């Protein structure tokens, strides 16, 4: 990619950020949020989830929102989360650029999340891979194998490194284009981030793209980003205003805050390609519909110190 940033950020607010809300964000607000995120220069957006509305009512309008987002696909990669083959069929039919398939390293969480065993979910992933491969070469969405609860589970506690590495290897064998390691409930620590990333990398080699999806339950989200950088990760998920949580993981808090992440990375001398002022403007869209208790972010609370503002 020309002018690729040092660090690639996928904005997960429109999907992971909204799935746990106890209010329905109007469709027009979701579309406005996506427009604002694109305008800020974000290059990948997790724009929704193809799940049954009775399970997650927030995404009853996912086809409408996705069609709106995909009209902006020249500016950003538009992806969607899917829990199973049926969801993937809907995502493929919608024309998404990326599919995020999820399997939990925790068997208990996987059963709560998708009502399948890990083995059954892997079979579903293989079916999705086959469906994608049956399409013309130039019309195949990027397939990310996401490992939920890779760093801990509120239902099972600590997850063994071996379980994560085995699932990552199974994803690679089944044809994942990329693997995402998700701290679904925010239990990770910097040493654990390095341990798991290095273990997976030693198994799969440098050819497999890895990303981190981090939550900030215990306040270590940005520290875990730094640990990920030190372990060689340059792809991260985050959510504007720290939105997020998992309806099937008790105690889970929001995602790491995209605004704070961009500020930290740029202060470290790492480019993101994202305009921070425009990204900060997304708060106005959210605050018009979402109670303040759901919105976080140090920059929003303190403001960007004038002395630290970089010259344009």
C-alpha atoms as a PDB file:
ATOM      1  CA  UNK A   1       0.000   0.000   0.000  1.00  0.00           C
ATOM      2  CA  UNK A   2       1.380   3.391  -0.991  1.00  0.00           C
ATOM      3  CA  UNK A   3       2.174   5.662   1.945  1.00  0.00           C
ATOM      4  CA  UNK A   4       1.343   2.882   4.386  1.00  0.00           C
ATOM      5  CA  UNK A   5       1.459   4.040   8.014  1.00  0.00           C
ATOM      6  CA  UNK A   6       3.850   2.549  10.553  1.00  0.00           C
ATOM      7  CA  UNK A   7       0.880   1.217  12.521  1.00  0.00           C
ATOM      8  CA  UNK A   8      -2.416   0.056  10.999  1.00  0.00           C
ATOM      9  CA  UNK A   9      -5.521   0.712  13.089  1.00  0.00           C
ATOM     10  CA  UNK A  10      -8.864  -0.967  12.470  1.00  0.00           C
ATOM     11  CA  UNK A  11     -11.740   1.046  13.923  1.00  0.00           C
ATOM     12  CA  UNK A  12     -14.055  -1.400  15.697  1.00  0.00           C
ATOM     13  CA  UNK A  13     -16.461   1.138  17.192  1.00  0.00           C
ATOM     14  CA  UNK A  14     -19.321   0.578  14.711  1.00  0.00           C
ATOM     15  CA  UNK A  15     -19.313  -3.137  15.536  1.00  0.00           C
ATOM     16  CA  UNK A  16     -17.640  -4.181  18.786  1.00  0.00           C
ATOM     17  CA  UNK A  17     -18.247  -0.744  20.213  1.00  0.00           C
ATOM     18  CA  UNK A  18     -21.999  -0.932  19.760  1.00  0.00           C
ATOM     19  CA  UNK A  19     -22.872  -4.598  20.289  1.00  0.00           C
ATOM     20  CA  UNK A  20     -23.108  -4.340  24.082  1.00  0.00           C
ATOM     21  CA  UNK A  21     -25.061  -1.073  24.298  1.00  0.00           C
ATOM     22  CA  UNK A  22     -28.430  -1.161  26.012  1.00  0.00           C
ATOM     23  CA  UNK A  23     -29.810   1.354  23.498  1.00  0.00           C
ATOM     24  CA  UNK A  24     -30.266   1.136  19.740  1.00  0.00           C
ATOM     25  CA  UNK A  25     -28.113   3.641  17.883  1.00  0.00           C
ATOM     26  CA  UNK A  26     -30.200   4.979  14.985  1.00  0.00           C
ATOM     27  CA  UNK A  27     -29.179   3.799  11.546  1.00  0.00           C
ATOM     28  CA  UNK A  28     -28.467   7.331  10.347  1.00  0.00           C
ATOM     29  CA  UNK A  29     -26.154   7.882  13.327  1.00  0.00           C
ATOM     30  CA  UNK A  30     -24.243   4.686  12.540  1.00  0.00           C
ATOM     31  CA  UNK A  31     -23.799   5.837   8.958  1.00  0.00           C
ATOM     32  CA  UNK A  32     -22.702   9.307  10.084  1.00  0.00           C
ATOM     33  CA  UNK A  33     -20.199   7.704  12.472  1.00  0.00           C
ATOM     34  CA  UNK A  34     -18.699   5.638   9.661  1.00  0.00           C
ATOM     35  CA  UNK A  35     -18.472   8.722   7.434  1.00  0.00           C
ATOM     36  CA  UNK A  36     -16.642  10.626  10.179  1.00  0.00           C
ATOM     37  CA  UNK A  37     -14.234   7.743  10.775  1.00  0.00           C
ATOM     38  CA  UNK A  38     -13.430   7.559   7.060  1.00  0.00           C
ATOM     39  CA  UNK A  39     -12.957  11.337   6.946  1.00  0.00           C
ATOM     40  CA  UNK A  40     -10.390  11.022   9.734  1.00  0.00           C
ATOM     41  CA  UNK A  41      -8.263   8.777   7.537  1.00  0.00           C
ATOM     42  CA  UNK A  42      -8.912   5.397   9.160  1.00  0.00           C
ATOM     43  CA  UNK A  43      -8.099   2.705   6.603  1.00  0.00           C
ATOM     44  CA  UNK A  44     -10.099  -0.235   7.995  1.00  0.00           C
ATOM     45  CA  UNK A  45     -13.488  -0.284   9.683  1.00  0.00           C
ATOM     46  CA  UNK A  46     -15.222  -3.180  11.420  1.00  0.00           C
ATOM     47  CA  UNK A  47     -18.602  -1.858  10.355  1.00  0.00           C
ATOM     48  CA  UNK A  48     -21.076  -4.383  11.735  1.00  0.00           C
ATOM     49  CA  UNK A  49     -21.904  -7.961  12.581  1.00  0.00           C
ATOM     50  CA  UNK A  50     -24.012 -10.422  10.609  1.00  0.00           C
ATOM     51  CA  UNK A  51     -25.750 -12.035  13.563  1.00  0.00           C
ATOM     52  CA  UNK A  52     -29.455 -12.758  14.124  1.00  0.00           C
ATOM     53  CA  UNK A  53     -31.219  -9.573  15.348  1.00  0.00           C
ATOM     54  CA  UNK A  54     -32.854 -11.538  18.156  1.00  0.00           C
ATOM     55  CA  UNK A  55     -29.364 -12.287  19.504  1.00  0.00           C
ATOM     56  CA  UNK A  56     -27.863  -8.801  19.057  1.00  0.00           C
ATOM     57  CA  UNK A  57     -30.670  -6.322  18.214  1.00  0.00           C
ATOM     58  CA  UNK A  58     -28.136  -3.559  17.589  1.00  0.00           C
ATOM     59  CA  UNK A  59     -27.395  -5.057  14.171  1.00  0.00           C
ATOM     60  CA  UNK A  60     -30.929  -5.420  12.886  1.00  0.00           C
ATOM     61  CA  UNK A  61     -29.999  -2.776  10.298  1.00  0.00           C
ATOM     62  CA  UNK A  62     -26.619  -4.252   9.351  1.00  0.00           C
ATOM     63  CA  UNK A  63     -27.411  -4.606   5.637  1.00  0.00           C
ATOM     64  CA  UNK A  64     -28.344  -0.926   5.386  1.00  0.00           C
ATOM     65  CA  UNK A  65     -25.312   0.235   7.351  1.00  0.00           C
ATOM     66  CA  UNK A  66     -22.981  -2.059   5.428  1.00  0.00           C
ATOM     67  CA  UNK A  67     -24.268  -0.819   2.070  1.00  0.00           C
ATOM     68  CA  UNK A  68     -23.579   2.736   3.202  1.00  0.00           C
ATOM     69  CA  UNK A  69     -20.095   1.823   4.441  1.00  0.00           C
ATOM     70  CA  UNK A  70     -19.201  -0.065   1.285  1.00  0.00           C
ATOM     71  CA  UNK A  71     -19.919   3.045  -0.744  1.00  0.00           C
ATOM     72  CA  UNK A  72     -16.769   4.387   0.950  1.00  0.00           C
ATOM     73  CA  UNK A  73     -14.640   1.308   0.240  1.00  0.00           C
ATOM     74  CA  UNK A  74     -12.221   3.219  -1.987  1.00  0.00           C
ATOM     75  CA  UNK A  75     -11.094   5.086   1.128  1.00  0.00           C
ATOM     76  CA  UNK A  76     -11.174   2.223   3.634  1.00  0.00           C
ATOM     77  CA  UNK A  77     -11.389  -1.546   3.920  1.00  0.00           C
ATOM     78  CA  UNK A  78     -14.878  -2.398   5.172  1.00  0.00           C
ATOM     79  CA  UNK A  79     -15.209  -5.542   7.221  1.00  0.00           C
ATOM     80  CA  UNK A  80     -17.816  -7.409   9.253  1.00  0.00           C
ATOM     81  CA  UNK A  81     -17.766  -9.947  12.038  1.00  0.00           C
ATOM     82  CA  UNK A  82     -19.483 -13.282  11.467  1.00  0.00           C
ATOM     83  CA  UNK A  83     -20.163 -16.020  14.030  1.00  0.00           C
ATOM     84  CA  UNK A  84     -20.903 -18.828  11.595  1.00  0.00           C
ATOM     85  CA  UNK A  85     -21.254 -19.869   7.957  1.00  0.00           C
ATOM     86  CA  UNK A  86     -24.716 -18.332   7.582  1.00  0.00           C
ATOM     87  CA  UNK A  87     -23.386 -14.989   8.747  1.00  0.00           C
ATOM     88  CA  UNK A  88     -20.489 -15.288   6.316  1.00  0.00           C
ATOM     89  CA  UNK A  89     -22.904 -15.961   3.454  1.00  0.00           C
ATOM     90  CA  UNK A  90     -24.696 -12.707   4.285  1.00  0.00           C
ATOM     91  CA  UNK A  91     -21.406 -10.816   4.527  1.00  0.00           C
ATOM     92  CA  UNK A  92     -20.182 -12.169   1.195  1.00  0.00           C
ATOM     93  CA  UNK A  93     -23.493 -11.298  -0.451  1.00  0.00           C
ATOM     94  CA  UNK A  94     -23.183  -7.763   0.933  1.00  0.00           C
ATOM     95  CA  UNK A  95     -19.775  -7.435  -0.741  1.00  0.00           C
ATOM     96  CA  UNK A  96     -17.590  -6.826   2.317  1.00  0.00           C
ATOM     97  CA  UNK A  97     -13.827  -6.450   1.925  1.00  0.00           C
ATOM     98  CA  UNK A  98     -12.977  -8.435   5.061  1.00  0.00           C
ATOM     99  CA  UNK A  99     -14.635 -11.101   7.170  1.00  0.00           C
ATOM    100  CA  UNK A 100     -13.731 -11.471  10.848  1.00  0.00           C
ATOM    101  CA  UNK A 101     -14.602 -15.005  11.965  1.00  0.00           C
ATOM    102  CA  UNK A 102     -14.492 -15.682  15.700  1.00  0.00           C
ATOM    103  CA  UNK A 103     -13.572 -18.732  17.769  1.00  0.00           C
ATOM    104  CA  UNK A 104     -12.801 -18.528  21.470  1.00  0.00           C
ATOM    105  CA  UNK A 105      -9.761 -20.160  23.023  1.00  0.00           C
ATOM    106  CA  UNK A 106     -12.054 -20.734  26.012  1.00  0.00           C
ATOM    107  CA  UNK A 107     -14.443 -23.609  25.344  1.00  0.00           C
ATOM    108  CA  UNK A 108     -16.942 -22.177  27.835  1.00  0.00           C
ATOM    109  CA  UNK A 109     -16.935 -18.754  26.203  1.00  0.00           C
ATOM    110  CA  UNK A 110     -17.200 -20.290  22.747  1.00  0.00           C
ATOM    111  CA  UNK A 111     -20.317 -22.174  23.805  1.00  0.00           C
ATOM    112  CA  UNK A 112     -21.808 -19.011  25.315  1.00  0.00           C
ATOM    113  CA  UNK A 113     -20.907 -16.889  22.305  1.00  0.00           C
ATOM    114  CA  UNK A 114     -21.797 -19.114  19.343  1.00  0.00           C
ATOM    115  CA  UNK A 115     -23.339 -22.235  20.935  1.00  0.00           C
ATOM    116  CA  UNK A 116     -20.785 -24.530  19.339  1.00  0.00           C
ATOM    117  CA  UNK A 117     -17.678 -26.394  20.394  1.00  0.00           C
ATOM    118  CA  UNK A 118     -14.321 -25.104  19.219  1.00  0.00           C
ATOM    119  CA  UNK A 119     -14.066 -28.081  16.872  1.00  0.00           C
ATOM    120  CA  UNK A 120     -17.483 -27.383  15.361  1.00  0.00           C
ATOM    121  CA  UNK A 121     -16.573 -23.733  14.922  1.00  0.00           C
ATOM    122  CA  UNK A 122     -13.381 -24.677  13.084  1.00  0.00           C
ATOM    123  CA  UNK A 123     -15.472 -26.709  10.658  1.00  0.00           C
ATOM    124  CA  UNK A 124     -17.569 -23.615  10.066  1.00  0.00           C
ATOM    125  CA  UNK A 125     -14.441 -21.606   9.349  1.00  0.00           C
ATOM    126  CA  UNK A 126     -13.281 -24.164   6.781  1.00  0.00           C
ATOM    127  CA  UNK A 127     -16.664 -23.899   5.068  1.00  0.00           C
ATOM    128  CA  UNK A 128     -16.289 -20.111   4.922  1.00  0.00           C
ATOM    129  CA  UNK A 129     -12.820 -20.483   3.425  1.00  0.00           C
ATOM    130  CA  UNK A 130     -14.198 -22.806   0.766  1.00  0.00           C
ATOM    131  CA  UNK A 131     -17.024 -20.390  -0.055  1.00  0.00           C
ATOM    132  CA  UNK A 132     -14.560 -17.525  -0.468  1.00  0.00           C
ATOM    133  CA  UNK A 133     -12.226 -19.617  -2.621  1.00  0.00           C
ATOM    134  CA  UNK A 134     -15.121 -20.477  -4.927  1.00  0.00           C
ATOM    135  CA  UNK A 135     -15.413 -16.795  -5.872  1.00  0.00           C
ATOM    136  CA  UNK A 136     -13.369 -15.057  -8.610  1.00  0.00           C
ATOM    137  CA  UNK A 137      -9.835 -14.247  -7.469  1.00  0.00           C
ATOM    138  CA  UNK A 138     -10.391 -10.513  -7.532  1.00  0.00           C
ATOM    139  CA  UNK A 139     -13.595 -10.745  -5.506  1.00  0.00           C
ATOM    140  CA  UNK A 140     -12.541 -12.642  -2.407  1.00  0.00           C
ATOM    141  CA  UNK A 141     -12.821 -10.940   0.980  1.00  0.00           C
ATOM    142  CA  UNK A 142      -9.828 -10.995   3.315  1.00  0.00           C
ATOM    143  CA  UNK A 143     -10.473 -13.695   5.931  1.00  0.00           C
ATOM    144  CA  UNK A 144      -9.344 -13.023   9.492  1.00  0.00           C
ATOM    145  CA  UNK A 145      -9.436 -15.806  12.063  1.00  0.00           C
ATOM    146  CA  UNK A 146     -10.108 -14.121  15.380  1.00  0.00           C
ATOM    147  CA  UNK A 147      -9.173 -15.857  18.635  1.00  0.00           C
ATOM    148  CA  UNK A 148     -11.397 -14.497  21.391  1.00  0.00           C
ATOM    149  CA  UNK A 149     -10.350 -14.775  25.071  1.00  0.00           C
ATOM    150  CA  UNK A 150      -6.751 -15.341  23.966  1.00  0.00           C
ATOM    151  CA  UNK A 151      -5.420 -13.715  27.139  1.00  0.00           C
ATOM    152  CA  UNK A 152      -8.045 -14.704  29.663  1.00  0.00           C
ATOM    153  CA  UNK A 153     -11.731 -15.409  30.127  1.00  0.00           C
ATOM    154  CA  UNK A 154     -14.196 -14.138  32.728  1.00  0.00           C
ATOM    155  CA  UNK A 155     -15.811 -17.594  32.668  1.00  0.00           C
ATOM    156  CA  UNK A 156     -12.705 -19.806  32.803  1.00  0.00           C
ATOM    157  CA  UNK A 157      -9.972 -17.498  34.076  1.00  0.00           C
ATOM    158  CA  UNK A 158      -6.497 -17.737  32.574  1.00  0.00           C
ATOM    159  CA  UNK A 159      -6.268 -19.546  29.249  1.00  0.00           C
ATOM    160  CA  UNK A 160      -3.267 -21.757  28.620  1.00  0.00           C
ATOM    161  CA  UNK A 161      -0.808 -20.614  25.987  1.00  0.00           C
ATOM    162  CA  UNK A 162      -1.060 -24.016  24.342  1.00  0.00           C
ATOM    163  CA  UNK A 163      -4.776 -23.596  23.684  1.00  0.00           C
ATOM    164  CA  UNK A 164      -4.170 -20.299  21.898  1.00  0.00           C
ATOM    165  CA  UNK A 165      -1.271 -21.637  19.870  1.00  0.00           C
ATOM    166  CA  UNK A 166      -3.220 -24.740  18.816  1.00  0.00           C
ATOM    167  CA  UNK A 167      -6.161 -22.653  17.653  1.00  0.00           C
ATOM    168  CA  UNK A 168      -3.867 -20.265  15.768  1.00  0.00           C
ATOM    169  CA  UNK A 169      -2.188 -23.219  14.049  1.00  0.00           C
ATOM    170  CA  UNK A 170      -5.596 -24.671  13.147  1.00  0.00           C
ATOM    171  CA  UNK A 171      -6.651 -21.345  11.653  1.00  0.00           C
ATOM    172  CA  UNK A 172      -3.456 -21.181   9.602  1.00  0.00           C
ATOM    173  CA  UNK A 173      -3.921 -24.752   8.375  1.00  0.00           C
ATOM    174  CA  UNK A 174      -7.518 -23.930   7.412  1.00  0.00           C
ATOM    175  CA  UNK A 175      -6.439 -20.976   5.274  1.00  0.00           C
ATOM    176  CA  UNK A 176      -6.744 -17.827   7.389  1.00  0.00           C
ATOM    177  CA  UNK A 177      -5.279 -14.759   5.681  1.00  0.00           C
ATOM    178  CA  UNK A 178      -4.634 -13.155   9.054  1.00  0.00           C
ATOM    179  CA  UNK A 179      -5.036 -14.083  12.718  1.00  0.00           C
ATOM    180  CA  UNK A 180      -6.339 -11.743  15.388  1.00  0.00           C
ATOM    181  CA  UNK A 181      -5.477 -12.291  19.036  1.00  0.00           C
ATOM    182  CA  UNK A 182      -8.245 -10.770  21.141  1.00  0.00           C
ATOM    183  CA  UNK A 183      -8.110  -9.746  24.788  1.00  0.00           C
ATOM    184  CA  UNK A 184     -11.886  -9.996  24.892  1.00  0.00           C
ATOM    185  CA  UNK A 185     -12.307  -9.209  28.578  1.00  0.00           C
ATOM    186  CA  UNK A 186      -9.204  -7.068  29.110  1.00  0.00           C
ATOM    187  CA  UNK A 187      -7.212  -9.412  31.355  1.00  0.00           C
ATOM    188  CA  UNK A 188      -3.936  -9.196  29.436  1.00  0.00           C
ATOM    189  CA  UNK A 189      -0.697  -7.817  30.838  1.00  0.00           C
ATOM    190  CA  UNK A 190       2.363  -6.700  28.854  1.00  0.00           C
ATOM    191  CA  UNK A 191       4.375  -9.860  29.682  1.00  0.00           C
ATOM    192  CA  UNK A 192       1.449 -12.075  28.670  1.00  0.00           C
ATOM    193  CA  UNK A 193       1.009 -10.162  25.400  1.00  0.00           C
ATOM    194  CA  UNK A 194       4.653 -10.795  24.532  1.00  0.00           C
ATOM    195  CA  UNK A 195       4.484 -14.435  25.597  1.00  0.00           C
ATOM    196  CA  UNK A 196       1.439 -15.299  23.492  1.00  0.00           C
ATOM    197  CA  UNK A 197       2.500 -13.274  20.450  1.00  0.00           C
ATOM    198  CA  UNK A 198       5.982 -14.770  20.466  1.00  0.00           C
ATOM    199  CA  UNK A 199       4.573 -18.278  20.878  1.00  0.00           C
ATOM    200  CA  UNK A 200       2.171 -17.913  17.967  1.00  0.00           C
ATOM    201  CA  UNK A 201       4.837 -16.254  15.832  1.00  0.00           C
ATOM    202  CA  UNK A 202       7.309 -19.067  16.507  1.00  0.00           C
ATOM    203  CA  UNK A 203       4.714 -21.589  15.314  1.00  0.00           C
ATOM    204  CA  UNK A 204       3.472 -19.756  12.234  1.00  0.00           C
ATOM    205  CA  UNK A 205       6.485 -17.732  11.087  1.00  0.00           C
ATOM    206  CA  UNK A 206       6.642 -14.181   9.835  1.00  0.00           C
ATOM    207  CA  UNK A 207       4.492 -14.764   6.757  1.00  0.00           C
ATOM    208  CA  UNK A 208       1.264 -14.903   8.797  1.00  0.00           C
ATOM    209  CA  UNK A 209      -0.133 -11.465   9.560  1.00  0.00           C
ATOM    210  CA  UNK A 210      -1.115 -10.975  13.212  1.00  0.00           C
ATOM    211  CA  UNK A 211      -3.201  -8.279  14.865  1.00  0.00           C
ATOM    212  CA  UNK A 212      -4.180  -7.478  18.449  1.00  0.00           C
ATOM    213  CA  UNK A 213      -7.678  -6.639  19.631  1.00  0.00           C
ATOM    214  CA  UNK A 214      -7.384  -5.125  23.103  1.00  0.00           C
ATOM    215  CA  UNK A 215      -9.809  -4.058  25.810  1.00  0.00           C
ATOM    216  CA  UNK A 216      -9.078  -1.797  28.759  1.00  0.00           C
ATOM    217  CA  UNK A 217     -10.864  -3.484  31.653  1.00  0.00           C
ATOM    218  CA  UNK A 218      -7.880  -3.272  34.018  1.00  0.00           C
ATOM    219  CA  UNK A 219      -6.413  -0.066  32.598  1.00  0.00           C
ATOM    220  CA  UNK A 220      -3.536  -1.761  30.813  1.00  0.00           C
ATOM    221  CA  UNK A 221      -4.737  -1.396  27.236  1.00  0.00           C
ATOM    222  CA  UNK A 222      -2.152   1.080  25.962  1.00  0.00           C
ATOM    223  CA  UNK A 223       0.648  -0.629  27.900  1.00  0.00           C
ATOM    224  CA  UNK A 224      -0.369  -3.809  26.103  1.00  0.00           C
ATOM    225  CA  UNK A 225      -0.147  -1.979  22.774  1.00  0.00           C
ATOM    226  CA  UNK A 226       3.459  -1.055  23.557  1.00  0.00           C
ATOM    227  CA  UNK A 227       4.171  -4.674  24.468  1.00  0.00           C
ATOM    228  CA  UNK A 228       2.620  -5.722  21.170  1.00  0.00           C
ATOM    229  CA  UNK A 229       4.792  -3.264  19.269  1.00  0.00           C
ATOM    230  CA  UNK A 230       7.860  -4.629  21.015  1.00  0.00           C
ATOM    231  CA  UNK A 231       6.764  -8.133  19.989  1.00  0.00           C
ATOM    232  CA  UNK A 232       6.496  -7.050  16.347  1.00  0.00           C
ATOM    233  CA  UNK A 233       2.764  -6.337  16.037  1.00  0.00           C
ATOM    234  CA  UNK A 234       1.801  -3.357  13.885  1.00  0.00           C
ATOM    235  CA  UNK A 235      -1.934  -3.987  13.454  1.00  0.00           C
ATOM    236  CA  UNK A 236      -4.392  -3.101  16.228  1.00  0.00           C
ATOM    237  CA  UNK A 237      -8.150  -2.819  16.727  1.00  0.00           C
ATOM    238  CA  UNK A 238      -9.574   0.064  18.770  1.00  0.00           C
ATOM    239  CA  UNK A 239     -12.869   1.925  19.222  1.00  0.00           C
ATOM    240  CA  UNK A 240     -13.663   5.624  19.280  1.00  0.00           C
ATOM    241  CA  UNK A 241     -14.569   6.882  22.761  1.00  0.00           C
ATOM    242  CA  UNK A 242     -13.597   3.480  24.173  1.00  0.00           C
ATOM    243  CA  UNK A 243     -16.925   1.929  23.251  1.00  0.00           C
ATOM    244  CA  UNK A 244     -17.352  -1.785  23.626  1.00  0.00           C
ATOM    245  CA  UNK A 245     -17.785  -4.928  25.622  1.00  0.00           C
ATOM    246  CA  UNK A 246     -18.909  -8.478  25.006  1.00  0.00           C
ATOM    247  CA  UNK A 247     -22.493  -9.507  25.872  1.00  0.00           C
ATOM    248  CA  UNK A 248     -21.264 -13.056  26.537  1.00  0.00           C
ATOM    249  CA  UNK A 249     -18.280 -12.119  28.721  1.00  0.00           C
ATOM    250  CA  UNK A 250     -19.358 -10.774  32.128  1.00  0.00           C
ATOM    251  CA  UNK A 251     -17.212  -7.893  33.342  1.00  0.00           C
ATOM    252  CA  UNK A 252     -15.780  -6.960  29.956  1.00  0.00           C
ATOM    253  CA  UNK A 253     -15.098  -3.262  29.518  1.00  0.00           C
ATOM    254  CA  UNK A 254     -14.641  -1.156  26.418  1.00  0.00           C
ATOM    255  CA  UNK A 255     -12.029  -1.364  23.713  1.00  0.00           C
ATOM    256  CA  UNK A 256      -8.864   0.676  23.897  1.00  0.00           C
ATOM    257  CA  UNK A 257      -9.697   4.257  22.909  1.00  0.00           C
ATOM    258  CA  UNK A 258      -8.771   4.985  19.295  1.00  0.00           C
ATOM    259  CA  UNK A 259      -8.150   8.679  20.000  1.00  0.00           C
ATOM    260  CA  UNK A 260      -5.761   7.911  22.883  1.00  0.00           C
ATOM    261  CA  UNK A 261      -4.054   5.203  20.826  1.00  0.00           C
ATOM    262  CA  UNK A 262      -3.439   7.507  17.867  1.00  0.00           C
ATOM    263  CA  UNK A 263      -2.066  10.228  20.156  1.00  0.00           C
ATOM    264  CA  UNK A 264       0.293   7.806  21.902  1.00  0.00           C
ATOM    265  CA  UNK A 265       1.589   6.285  18.675  1.00  0.00           C
ATOM    266  CA  UNK A 266       2.183   9.638  17.020  1.00  0.00           C
ATOM    267  CA  UNK A 267       3.994  10.876  20.138  1.00  0.00           C
ATOM    268  CA  UNK A 268       6.185   7.767  19.864  1.00  0.00           C
ATOM    269  CA  UNK A 269       7.096   8.839  16.342  1.00  0.00           C
ATOM    270  CA  UNK A 270       4.947   6.202  14.642  1.00  0.00           C
ATOM    271  CA  UNK A 271       2.634   7.284  11.834  1.00  0.00           C
ATOM    272  CA  UNK A 272      -1.004   6.160  11.751  1.00  0.00           C
ATOM    273  CA  UNK A 273      -2.308   8.177   8.807  1.00  0.00           C
ATOM    274  CA  UNK A 274      -5.193   9.355  11.008  1.00  0.00           C
ATOM    275  CA  UNK A 275      -6.191  12.976  11.611  1.00  0.00           C
ATOM    276  CA  UNK A 276      -6.648  13.215  15.373  1.00  0.00           C
ATOM    277  CA  UNK A 277      -8.829  16.339  15.370  1.00  0.00           C
ATOM    278  CA  UNK A 278     -11.268  14.750  12.921  1.00  0.00           C
ATOM    279  CA  UNK A 279     -11.258  11.545  14.948  1.00  0.00           C
ATOM    280  CA  UNK A 280     -12.056  13.513  18.109  1.00  0.00           C
ATOM    281  CA  UNK A 281     -15.085  14.959  16.305  1.00  0.00           C
ATOM    282  CA  UNK A 282     -16.757  11.530  16.325  1.00  0.00           C
ATOM    283  CA  UNK A 283     -17.624  12.115  19.994  1.00  0.00           C
ATOM    284  CA  UNK A 284     -20.310  14.626  19.002  1.00  0.00           C
ATOM    285  CA  UNK A 285     -22.120  11.999  16.921  1.00  0.00           C
ATOM    286  CA  UNK A 286     -22.018   9.482  19.758  1.00  0.00           C
ATOM    287  CA  UNK A 287     -22.903  11.842  22.607  1.00  0.00           C
ATOM    288  CA  UNK A 288     -26.073  12.896  20.810  1.00  0.00           C
ATOM    289  CA  UNK A 289     -27.449   9.386  21.283  1.00  0.00           C
ATOM    290  CA  UNK A 290     -25.353   7.528  23.860  1.00  0.00           C
ATOM    291  CA  UNK A 291     -25.207   8.309  27.615  1.00  0.00           C
ATOM    292  CA  UNK A 292     -21.901   9.721  28.847  1.00  0.00           C
ATOM    293  CA  UNK A 293     -21.279   6.676  31.050  1.00  0.00           C
ATOM    294  CA  UNK A 294     -20.516   4.653  27.907  1.00  0.00           C
ATOM    295  CA  UNK A 295     -17.974   7.151  26.530  1.00  0.00           C
ATOM    296  CA  UNK A 296     -14.385   7.288  27.761  1.00  0.00           C
ATOM    297  CA  UNK A 297     -11.015   8.628  26.668  1.00  0.00           C
ATOM    298  CA  UNK A 298      -8.239  10.583  28.359  1.00  0.00           C
ATOM    299  CA  UNK A 299      -7.948  13.067  25.499  1.00  0.00           C
ATOM    300  CA  UNK A 300     -11.644  13.806  25.648  1.00  0.00           C
ATOM    301  CA  UNK A 301     -11.389  14.452  29.377  1.00  0.00           C
ATOM    302  CA  UNK A 302      -8.137  16.429  29.410  1.00  0.00           C
ATOM    303  CA  UNK A 303      -7.951  17.841  25.900  1.00  0.00           C
ATOM    304  CA  UNK A 304      -4.825  17.761  23.750  1.00  0.00           C
ATOM    305  CA  UNK A 305      -2.219  19.986  25.444  1.00  0.00           C
ATOM    306  CA  UNK A 306      -1.416  22.901  23.151  1.00  0.00           C
ATOM    307  CA  UNK A 307       2.297  22.431  23.813  1.00  0.00           C
ATOM    308  CA  UNK A 308       2.076  18.910  22.416  1.00  0.00           C
ATOM    309  CA  UNK A 309       0.108  19.696  19.278  1.00  0.00           C
ATOM    310  CA  UNK A 310       2.220  18.887  16.263  1.00  0.00           C
ATOM    311  CA  UNK A 311       2.656  21.421  13.500  1.00  0.00           C
ATOM    312  CA  UNK A 312       0.610  20.602  10.414  1.00  0.00           C
END
